[in-house]
Amino acid sequence: MAPYEVIETTKGSMDVSLLVKRAGTVDNDVELTHWVEYWLPGAPAHPECAHRLEMPSRMCVLCPAELVHRSADVTLKQATVFAEGTAHSFA
């Protein structure tokens, strides 16, 4: 018997074989982001669906699937300067 992978979801711990996984990457001048989502299929399941999320219900607007896990790893490529410091002298 092969071991199974379990992840934490909004429904508690679940076997990933019961879920539809979507993953992607954003790579531009500002950031490098790897993300993964796990969707609980509705009835009937639509594995080819692009899954557009409706908030706050976490349900897909195109099929009866529910987003149950989302994670992202974001790396900023350049420091963002919000304000520059200035030295002052009070006499």
PDB file of N, CA and C in Angstrom:
ATOM      1  N   MET A   1       0.843  -1.176   0.000  1.00  0.00           N
ATOM      2  CA  MET A   1       0.000   0.000   0.000  1.00  0.00           C
ATOM      3  C   MET A   1       0.889   1.240   0.000  1.00  0.00           C
ATOM      4  N   ALA A   2       0.642   2.171  -0.920  1.00  0.00           N
ATOM      5  CA  ALA A   2       1.448   3.383  -1.050  1.00  0.00           C
ATOM      6  C   ALA A   2       1.018   4.401   0.004  1.00  0.00           C
ATOM      7  N   PRO A   3       1.981   5.146   0.581  1.00  0.00           N
ATOM      8  CA  PRO A   3       1.608   6.194   1.536  1.00  0.00           C
ATOM      9  C   PRO A   3       0.870   7.313   0.823  1.00  0.00           C
ATOM     10  N   TYR A   4       0.055   8.031   1.554  1.00  0.00           N
ATOM     11  CA  TYR A   4      -0.677   9.140   0.954  1.00  0.00           C
ATOM     12  C   TYR A   4      -0.245  10.446   1.595  1.00  0.00           C
ATOM     13  N   GLU A   5      -0.423  11.543   0.846  1.00  0.00           N
ATOM     14  CA  GLU A   5      -0.033  12.864   1.310  1.00  0.00           C
ATOM     15  C   GLU A   5      -1.252  13.575   1.879  1.00  0.00           C
ATOM     16  N   VAL A   6      -1.073  14.155   3.057  1.00  0.00           N
ATOM     17  CA  VAL A   6      -2.152  14.865   3.732  1.00  0.00           C
ATOM     18  C   VAL A   6      -1.756  16.329   3.876  1.00  0.00           C
ATOM     19  N   ILE A   7      -2.699  17.237   3.623  1.00  0.00           N
ATOM     20  CA  ILE A   7      -2.462  18.663   3.835  1.00  0.00           C
ATOM     21  C   ILE A   7      -3.560  19.221   4.724  1.00  0.00           C
ATOM     22  N   GLU A   8      -3.258  20.362   5.351  1.00  0.00           N
ATOM     23  CA  GLU A   8      -4.256  21.059   6.154  1.00  0.00           C
ATOM     24  C   GLU A   8      -5.108  21.930   5.237  1.00  0.00           C
ATOM     25  N   THR A   9      -6.416  21.848   5.402  1.00  0.00           N
ATOM     26  CA  THR A   9      -7.346  22.615   4.581  1.00  0.00           C
ATOM     27  C   THR A   9      -8.359  23.316   5.478  1.00  0.00           C
ATOM     28  N   THR A  10      -9.246  24.072   4.872  1.00  0.00           N
ATOM     29  CA  THR A  10     -10.326  24.710   5.625  1.00  0.00           C
ATOM     30  C   THR A  10     -11.320  23.685   6.153  1.00  0.00           C
ATOM     31  N   LYS A  11     -11.227  22.453   5.676  1.00  0.00           N
ATOM     32  CA  LYS A  11     -12.097  21.355   6.120  1.00  0.00           C
ATOM     33  C   LYS A  11     -11.366  20.417   7.081  1.00  0.00           C
ATOM     34  N   GLY A  12     -10.140  20.784   7.506  1.00  0.00           N
ATOM     35  CA  GLY A  12      -9.315  19.907   8.340  1.00  0.00           C
ATOM     36  C   GLY A  12      -8.295  19.186   7.471  1.00  0.00           C
ATOM     37  N   SER A  13      -7.645  18.165   8.010  1.00  0.00           N
ATOM     38  CA  SER A  13      -6.646  17.396   7.258  1.00  0.00           C
ATOM     39  C   SER A  13      -7.330  16.584   6.172  1.00  0.00           C
ATOM     40  N   MET A  14      -6.761  16.643   4.943  1.00  0.00           N
ATOM     41  CA  MET A  14      -7.355  15.910   3.826  1.00  0.00           C
ATOM     42  C   MET A  14      -6.267  15.247   2.993  1.00  0.00           C
ATOM     43  N   ASP A  15      -6.599  14.109   2.413  1.00  0.00           N
ATOM     44  CA  ASP A  15      -5.730  13.407   1.473  1.00  0.00           C
ATOM     45  C   ASP A  15      -5.751  14.185   0.151  1.00  0.00           C
ATOM     46  N   VAL A  16      -4.567  14.513  -0.383  1.00  0.00           N
ATOM     47  CA  VAL A  16      -4.509  15.315  -1.611  1.00  0.00           C
ATOM     48  C   VAL A  16      -5.093  14.591  -2.817  1.00  0.00           C
ATOM     49  N   SER A  17      -5.204  13.274  -2.765  1.00  0.00           N
ATOM     50  CA  SER A  17      -5.791  12.542  -3.896  1.00  0.00           C
ATOM     51  C   SER A  17      -7.278  12.855  -4.058  1.00  0.00           C
ATOM     52  N   LEU A  18      -7.901  13.444  -3.039  1.00  0.00           N
ATOM     53  CA  LEU A  18      -9.315  13.812  -3.119  1.00  0.00           C
ATOM     54  C   LEU A  18      -9.518  15.208  -3.701  1.00  0.00           C
ATOM     55  N   LEU A  19      -8.407  15.931  -3.935  1.00  0.00           N
ATOM     56  CA  LEU A  19      -8.472  17.336  -4.324  1.00  0.00           C
ATOM     57  C   LEU A  19      -7.903  17.563  -5.716  1.00  0.00           C
ATOM     58  N   VAL A  20      -8.260  18.694  -6.304  1.00  0.00           N
ATOM     59  CA  VAL A  20      -7.703  19.121  -7.588  1.00  0.00           C
ATOM     60  C   VAL A  20      -6.640  20.170  -7.285  1.00  0.00           C
ATOM     61  N   LYS A  21      -5.396  19.934  -7.748  1.00  0.00           N
ATOM     62  CA  LYS A  21      -4.283  20.843  -7.472  1.00  0.00           C
ATOM     63  C   LYS A  21      -4.062  21.778  -8.651  1.00  0.00           C
ATOM     64  N   ARG A  22      -3.875  23.070  -8.349  1.00  0.00           N
ATOM     65  CA  ARG A  22      -3.475  24.072  -9.341  1.00  0.00           C
ATOM     66  C   ARG A  22      -2.243  24.770  -8.796  1.00  0.00           C
ATOM     67  N   ALA A  23      -1.251  24.979  -9.633  1.00  0.00           N
ATOM     68  CA  ALA A  23      -0.022  25.646  -9.207  1.00  0.00           C
ATOM     69  C   ALA A  23       0.447  26.573 -10.309  1.00  0.00           C
ATOM     70  N   GLY A  24       1.232  27.564  -9.920  1.00  0.00           N
ATOM     71  CA  GLY A  24       1.736  28.496 -10.914  1.00  0.00           C
ATOM     72  C   GLY A  24       2.879  29.328 -10.381  1.00  0.00           C
ATOM     73  N   THR A  25       3.420  30.148 -11.255  1.00  0.00           N
ATOM     74  CA  THR A  25       4.552  31.006 -10.938  1.00  0.00           C
ATOM     75  C   THR A  25       4.332  32.371 -11.555  1.00  0.00           C
ATOM     76  N   VAL A  26       4.703  33.409 -10.806  1.00  0.00           N
ATOM     77  CA  VAL A  26       4.741  34.779 -11.307  1.00  0.00           C
ATOM     78  C   VAL A  26       6.192  35.218 -11.209  1.00  0.00           C
ATOM     79  N   ASP A  27       6.780  35.629 -12.326  1.00  0.00           N
ATOM     80  CA  ASP A  27       8.171  36.060 -12.349  1.00  0.00           C
ATOM     81  C   ASP A  27       8.251  37.354 -13.144  1.00  0.00           C
ATOM     82  N   ASN A  28       8.527  38.449 -12.440  1.00  0.00           N
ATOM     83  CA  ASN A  28       8.664  39.741 -13.118  1.00  0.00           C
ATOM     84  C   ASN A  28       9.814  40.520 -12.485  1.00  0.00           C
ATOM     85  N   ASP A  29       9.928  41.798 -12.785  1.00  0.00           N
ATOM     86  CA  ASP A  29      11.036  42.607 -12.262  1.00  0.00           C
ATOM     87  C   ASP A  29      10.971  42.796 -10.750  1.00  0.00           C
ATOM     88  N   VAL A  30       9.790  42.675 -10.166  1.00  0.00           N
ATOM     89  CA  VAL A  30       9.600  42.969  -8.755  1.00  0.00           C
ATOM     90  C   VAL A  30       9.610  41.723  -7.876  1.00  0.00           C
ATOM     91  N   GLU A  31       9.049  40.628  -8.363  1.00  0.00           N
ATOM     92  CA  GLU A  31       8.858  39.463  -7.507  1.00  0.00           C
ATOM     93  C   GLU A  31       9.025  38.140  -8.251  1.00  0.00           C
ATOM     94  N   LEU A  32       9.293  37.109  -7.475  1.00  0.00           N
ATOM     95  CA  LEU A  32       9.233  35.724  -7.931  1.00  0.00           C
ATOM     96  C   LEU A  32       8.304  35.005  -6.963  1.00  0.00           C
ATOM     97  N   THR A  33       7.162  34.553  -7.446  1.00  0.00           N
ATOM     98  CA  THR A  33       6.145  33.931  -6.600  1.00  0.00           C
ATOM     99  C   THR A  33       5.789  32.558  -7.145  1.00  0.00           C
ATOM    100  N   HIS A  34       5.804  31.563  -6.273  1.00  0.00           N
ATOM    101  CA  HIS A  34       5.307  30.220  -6.572  1.00  0.00           C
ATOM    102  C   HIS A  34       4.067  30.025  -5.703  1.00  0.00           C
ATOM    103  N   TRP A  35       2.951  29.605  -6.306  1.00  0.00           N
ATOM    104  CA  TRP A  35       1.722  29.418  -5.540  1.00  0.00           C
ATOM    105  C   TRP A  35       1.100  28.061  -5.843  1.00  0.00           C
ATOM    106  N   VAL A  36       0.322  27.580  -4.900  1.00  0.00           N
ATOM    107  CA  VAL A  36      -0.397  26.318  -5.075  1.00  0.00           C
ATOM    108  C   VAL A  36      -1.774  26.451  -4.426  1.00  0.00           C
ATOM    109  N   GLU A  37      -2.762  25.896  -5.088  1.00  0.00           N
ATOM    110  CA  GLU A  37      -4.135  25.856  -4.569  1.00  0.00           C
ATOM    111  C   GLU A  37      -4.637  24.424  -4.648  1.00  0.00           C
ATOM    112  N   TYR A  38      -5.462  24.045  -3.688  1.00  0.00           N
ATOM    113  CA  TYR A  38      -6.158  22.763  -3.737  1.00  0.00           C
ATOM    114  C   TYR A  38      -7.651  23.046  -3.674  1.00  0.00           C
ATOM    115  N   TRP A  39      -8.380  22.451  -4.631  1.00  0.00           N
ATOM    116  CA  TRP A  39      -9.814  22.641  -4.747  1.00  0.00           C
ATOM    117  C   TRP A  39     -10.521  21.329  -4.462  1.00  0.00           C
ATOM    118  N   LEU A  40     -11.604  21.400  -3.693  1.00  0.00           N
ATOM    119  CA  LEU A  40     -12.462  20.245  -3.443  1.00  0.00           C
ATOM    120  C   LEU A  40     -13.514  20.230  -4.543  1.00  0.00           C
ATOM    121  N   PRO A  41     -13.482  19.214  -5.406  1.00  0.00           N
ATOM    122  CA  PRO A  41     -14.445  19.188  -6.514  1.00  0.00           C
ATOM    123  C   PRO A  41     -15.872  19.061  -6.006  1.00  0.00           C
ATOM    124  N   GLY A  42     -16.787  19.692  -6.722  1.00  0.00           N
ATOM    125  CA  GLY A  42     -18.204  19.529  -6.428  1.00  0.00           C
ATOM    126  C   GLY A  42     -18.740  18.367  -7.239  1.00  0.00           C
ATOM    127  N   ALA A  43     -20.043  18.274  -7.326  1.00  0.00           N
ATOM    128  CA  ALA A  43     -20.640  17.209  -8.118  1.00  0.00           C
ATOM    129  C   ALA A  43     -21.387  17.857  -9.276  1.00  0.00           C
ATOM    130  N   PRO A  44     -21.069  17.607 -10.508  1.00  0.00           N
ATOM    131  CA  PRO A  44     -19.962  16.775 -10.981  1.00  0.00           C
ATOM    132  C   PRO A  44     -18.637  17.533 -10.947  1.00  0.00           C
ATOM    133  N   ALA A  45     -17.548  16.807 -10.865  1.00  0.00           N
ATOM    134  CA  ALA A  45     -16.224  17.416 -10.840  1.00  0.00           C
ATOM    135  C   ALA A  45     -15.872  17.969 -12.220  1.00  0.00           C
ATOM    136  N   HIS A  46     -15.171  19.075 -12.249  1.00  0.00           N
ATOM    137  CA  HIS A  46     -14.738  19.705 -13.495  1.00  0.00           C
ATOM    138  C   HIS A  46     -13.234  19.917 -13.447  1.00  0.00           C
ATOM    139  N   PRO A  47     -12.416  18.888 -13.680  1.00  0.00           N
ATOM    140  CA  PRO A  47     -10.964  19.065 -13.575  1.00  0.00           C
ATOM    141  C   PRO A  47     -10.391  20.032 -14.604  1.00  0.00           C
ATOM    142  N   GLU A  48     -11.102  20.281 -15.714  1.00  0.00           N
ATOM    143  CA  GLU A  48     -10.601  21.203 -16.729  1.00  0.00           C
ATOM    144  C   GLU A  48     -11.007  22.654 -16.459  1.00  0.00           C
ATOM    145  N   CYS A  49     -11.782  22.908 -15.402  1.00  0.00           N
ATOM    146  CA  CYS A  49     -12.246  24.247 -15.071  1.00  0.00           C
ATOM    147  C   CYS A  49     -11.076  25.123 -14.644  1.00  0.00           C
ATOM    148  N   ALA A  50     -11.113  26.402 -15.002  1.00  0.00           N
ATOM    149  CA  ALA A  50     -10.057  27.352 -14.639  1.00  0.00           C
ATOM    150  C   ALA A  50     -10.230  27.875 -13.212  1.00  0.00           C
ATOM    151  N   HIS A  51     -11.320  27.581 -12.542  1.00  0.00           N
ATOM    152  CA  HIS A  51     -11.614  27.965 -11.157  1.00  0.00           C
ATOM    153  C   HIS A  51     -11.388  29.444 -10.880  1.00  0.00           C
ATOM    154  N   ARG A  52     -12.445  30.213 -11.051  1.00  0.00           N
ATOM    155  CA  ARG A  52     -12.421  31.633 -10.675  1.00  0.00           C
ATOM    156  C   ARG A  52     -13.068  31.748  -9.303  1.00  0.00           C
ATOM    157  N   LEU A  53     -12.303  32.263  -8.355  1.00  0.00           N
ATOM    158  CA  LEU A  53     -12.721  32.301  -6.958  1.00  0.00           C
ATOM    159  C   LEU A  53     -13.693  33.433  -6.678  1.00  0.00           C
ATOM    160  N   GLU A  54     -14.763  33.099  -5.943  1.00  0.00           N
ATOM    161  CA  GLU A  54     -15.711  34.092  -5.458  1.00  0.00           C
ATOM    162  C   GLU A  54     -15.515  34.208  -3.947  1.00  0.00           C
ATOM    163  N   MET A  55     -15.264  35.421  -3.467  1.00  0.00           N
ATOM    164  CA  MET A  55     -15.079  35.627  -2.026  1.00  0.00           C
ATOM    165  C   MET A  55     -16.344  36.233  -1.462  1.00  0.00           C
ATOM    166  N   PRO A  56     -16.710  36.010  -0.202  1.00  0.00           N
ATOM    167  CA  PRO A  56     -15.976  35.230   0.771  1.00  0.00           C
ATOM    168  C   PRO A  56     -16.348  33.745   0.807  1.00  0.00           C
ATOM    169  N   SER A  57     -17.145  33.288  -0.144  1.00  0.00           N
ATOM    170  CA  SER A  57     -17.639  31.906  -0.088  1.00  0.00           C
ATOM    171  C   SER A  57     -16.582  30.853  -0.397  1.00  0.00           C
ATOM    172  N   ARG A  58     -15.447  31.238  -1.053  1.00  0.00           N
ATOM    173  CA  ARG A  58     -14.391  30.318  -1.483  1.00  0.00           C
ATOM    174  C   ARG A  58     -14.891  29.314  -2.517  1.00  0.00           C
ATOM    175  N   MET A  59     -15.989  29.631  -3.209  1.00  0.00           N
ATOM    176  CA  MET A  59     -16.548  28.749  -4.223  1.00  0.00           C
ATOM    177  C   MET A  59     -16.159  29.261  -5.614  1.00  0.00           C
ATOM    178  N   CYS A  60     -16.022  28.328  -6.553  1.00  0.00           N
ATOM    179  CA  CYS A  60     -15.741  28.673  -7.938  1.00  0.00           C
ATOM    180  C   CYS A  60     -17.016  29.237  -8.565  1.00  0.00           C
ATOM    181  N   VAL A  61     -16.869  30.279  -9.383  1.00  0.00           N
ATOM    182  CA  VAL A  61     -18.035  30.850 -10.055  1.00  0.00           C
ATOM    183  C   VAL A  61     -18.394  30.089 -11.327  1.00  0.00           C
ATOM    184  N   LEU A  62     -17.530  29.164 -11.758  1.00  0.00           N
ATOM    185  CA  LEU A  62     -17.758  28.420 -12.997  1.00  0.00           C
ATOM    186  C   LEU A  62     -18.230  26.989 -12.784  1.00  0.00           C
ATOM    187  N   CYS A  63     -17.961  26.414 -11.610  1.00  0.00           N
ATOM    188  CA  CYS A  63     -18.356  25.032 -11.329  1.00  0.00           C
ATOM    189  C   CYS A  63     -18.554  24.874  -9.818  1.00  0.00           C
ATOM    190  N   PRO A  64     -19.088  23.758  -9.355  1.00  0.00           N
ATOM    191  CA  PRO A  64     -19.340  23.592  -7.916  1.00  0.00           C
ATOM    192  C   PRO A  64     -18.121  23.120  -7.118  1.00  0.00           C
ATOM    193  N   ALA A  65     -16.968  23.758  -7.305  1.00  0.00           N
ATOM    194  CA  ALA A  65     -15.756  23.410  -6.561  1.00  0.00           C
ATOM    195  C   ALA A  65     -15.512  24.455  -5.476  1.00  0.00           C
ATOM    196  N   GLU A  66     -14.806  24.052  -4.400  1.00  0.00           N
ATOM    197  CA  GLU A  66     -14.503  24.960  -3.292  1.00  0.00           C
ATOM    198  C   GLU A  66     -13.005  24.989  -3.034  1.00  0.00           C
ATOM    199  N   LEU A  67     -12.443  26.193  -2.908  1.00  0.00           N
ATOM    200  CA  LEU A  67     -11.035  26.359  -2.572  1.00  0.00           C
ATOM    201  C   LEU A  67     -10.845  26.002  -1.106  1.00  0.00           C
ATOM    202  N   VAL A  68      -9.973  25.002  -0.811  1.00  0.00           N
ATOM    203  CA  VAL A  68      -9.775  24.561   0.566  1.00  0.00           C
ATOM    204  C   VAL A  68      -8.350  24.782   1.067  1.00  0.00           C
ATOM    205  N   HIS A  69      -7.410  25.124   0.175  1.00  0.00           N
ATOM    206  CA  HIS A  69      -6.023  25.403   0.592  1.00  0.00           C
ATOM    207  C   HIS A  69      -5.361  26.294  -0.439  1.00  0.00           C
ATOM    208  N   ARG A  70      -4.640  27.304   0.049  1.00  0.00           N
ATOM    209  CA  ARG A  70      -3.868  28.170  -0.843  1.00  0.00           C
ATOM    210  C   ARG A  70      -2.594  28.557  -0.102  1.00  0.00           C
ATOM    211  N   SER A  71      -1.468  28.445  -0.777  1.00  0.00           N
ATOM    212  CA  SER A  71      -0.211  28.893  -0.187  1.00  0.00           C
ATOM    213  C   SER A  71       0.653  29.519  -1.267  1.00  0.00           C
ATOM    214  N   ALA A  72       1.546  30.410  -0.835  1.00  0.00           N
ATOM    215  CA  ALA A  72       2.421  31.111  -1.774  1.00  0.00           C
ATOM    216  C   ALA A  72       3.773  31.356  -1.136  1.00  0.00           C
ATOM    217  N   ASP A  73       4.804  31.302  -1.964  1.00  0.00           N
ATOM    218  CA  ASP A  73       6.166  31.642  -1.562  1.00  0.00           C
ATOM    219  C   ASP A  73       6.576  32.833  -2.411  1.00  0.00           C
ATOM    220  N   VAL A  74       6.713  34.010  -1.784  1.00  0.00           N
ATOM    221  CA  VAL A  74       6.994  35.252  -2.497  1.00  0.00           C
ATOM    222  C   VAL A  74       8.400  35.731  -2.147  1.00  0.00           C
ATOM    223  N   THR A  75       9.199  36.004  -3.178  1.00  0.00           N
ATOM    224  CA  THR A  75      10.532  36.578  -3.001  1.00  0.00           C
ATOM    225  C   THR A  75      10.581  37.895  -3.750  1.00  0.00           C
ATOM    226  N   LEU A  76      10.851  38.981  -3.010  1.00  0.00           N
ATOM    227  CA  LEU A  76      10.991  40.286  -3.649  1.00  0.00           C
ATOM    228  C   LEU A  76      12.379  40.394  -4.247  1.00  0.00           C
ATOM    229  N   LYS A  77      12.460  40.888  -5.471  1.00  0.00           N
ATOM    230  CA  LYS A  77      13.738  40.989  -6.169  1.00  0.00           C
ATOM    231  C   LYS A  77      14.463  42.289  -5.889  1.00  0.00           C
ATOM    232  N   GLN A  78      13.735  43.309  -5.462  1.00  0.00           N
ATOM    233  CA  GLN A  78      14.366  44.594  -5.180  1.00  0.00           C
ATOM    234  C   GLN A  78      13.700  45.206  -3.956  1.00  0.00           C
ATOM    235  N   ALA A  79      14.488  45.936  -3.190  1.00  0.00           N
ATOM    236  CA  ALA A  79      13.951  46.586  -2.004  1.00  0.00           C
ATOM    237  C   ALA A  79      13.065  47.751  -2.421  1.00  0.00           C
ATOM    238  N   THR A  80      11.966  47.904  -1.732  1.00  0.00           N
ATOM    239  CA  THR A  80      11.062  49.009  -1.993  1.00  0.00           C
ATOM    240  C   THR A  80      11.359  50.130  -1.006  1.00  0.00           C
ATOM    241  N   VAL A  81      11.557  51.336  -1.514  1.00  0.00           N
ATOM    242  CA  VAL A  81      11.819  52.488  -0.665  1.00  0.00           C
ATOM    243  C   VAL A  81      10.516  53.251  -0.513  1.00  0.00           C
ATOM    244  N   PHE A  82      10.026  53.333   0.726  1.00  0.00           N
ATOM    245  CA  PHE A  82       8.772  54.034   0.972  1.00  0.00           C
ATOM    246  C   PHE A  82       9.012  55.515   1.284  1.00  0.00           C
ATOM    247  N   ALA A  83      10.133  55.816   1.944  1.00  0.00           N
ATOM    248  CA  ALA A  83      10.465  57.203   2.277  1.00  0.00           C
ATOM    249  C   ALA A  83      11.975  57.303   2.488  1.00  0.00           C
ATOM    250  N   GLU A  84      12.517  58.411   2.134  1.00  0.00           N
ATOM    251  CA  GLU A  84      13.941  58.612   2.346  1.00  0.00           C
ATOM    252  C   GLU A  84      14.153  59.440   3.607  1.00  0.00           C
ATOM    253  N   GLY A  85      15.078  59.002   4.429  1.00  0.00           N
ATOM    254  CA  GLY A  85      15.377  59.724   5.672  1.00  0.00           C
ATOM    255  C   GLY A  85      16.184  60.979   5.386  1.00  0.00           C
ATOM    256  N   THR A  86      16.018  61.986   6.247  1.00  0.00           N
ATOM    257  CA  THR A  86      16.743  63.242   6.120  1.00  0.00           C
ATOM    258  C   THR A  86      17.292  63.599   7.494  1.00  0.00           C
ATOM    259  N   ALA A  87      18.581  63.966   7.552  1.00  0.00           N
ATOM    260  CA  ALA A  87      19.204  64.384   8.801  1.00  0.00           C
ATOM    261  C   ALA A  87      18.952  65.870   9.023  1.00  0.00           C
ATOM    262  N   HIS A  88      18.570  66.239  10.231  1.00  0.00           N
ATOM    263  CA  HIS A  88      18.313  67.640  10.573  1.00  0.00           C
ATOM    264  C   HIS A  88      19.142  68.001  11.790  1.00  0.00           C
ATOM    265  N   SER A  89      19.477  69.268  11.863  1.00  0.00           N
ATOM    266  CA  SER A  89      20.198  69.799  13.009  1.00  0.00           C
ATOM    267  C   SER A  89      19.358  70.880  13.644  1.00  0.00           C
ATOM    268  N   PHE A  90      19.156  70.781  14.943  1.00  0.00           N
ATOM    269  CA  PHE A  90      18.394  71.799  15.658  1.00  0.00           C
ATOM    270  C   PHE A  90      19.360  72.635  16.480  1.00  0.00           C
ATOM    271  N   ALA A  91      19.430  73.920  16.240  1.00  0.00           N
ATOM    272  CA  ALA A  91      20.369  74.795  16.971  1.00  0.00           C
ATOM    273  C   ALA A  91      19.637  75.713  17.917  1.00  0.00           C
TER     274      ALA A  91
END
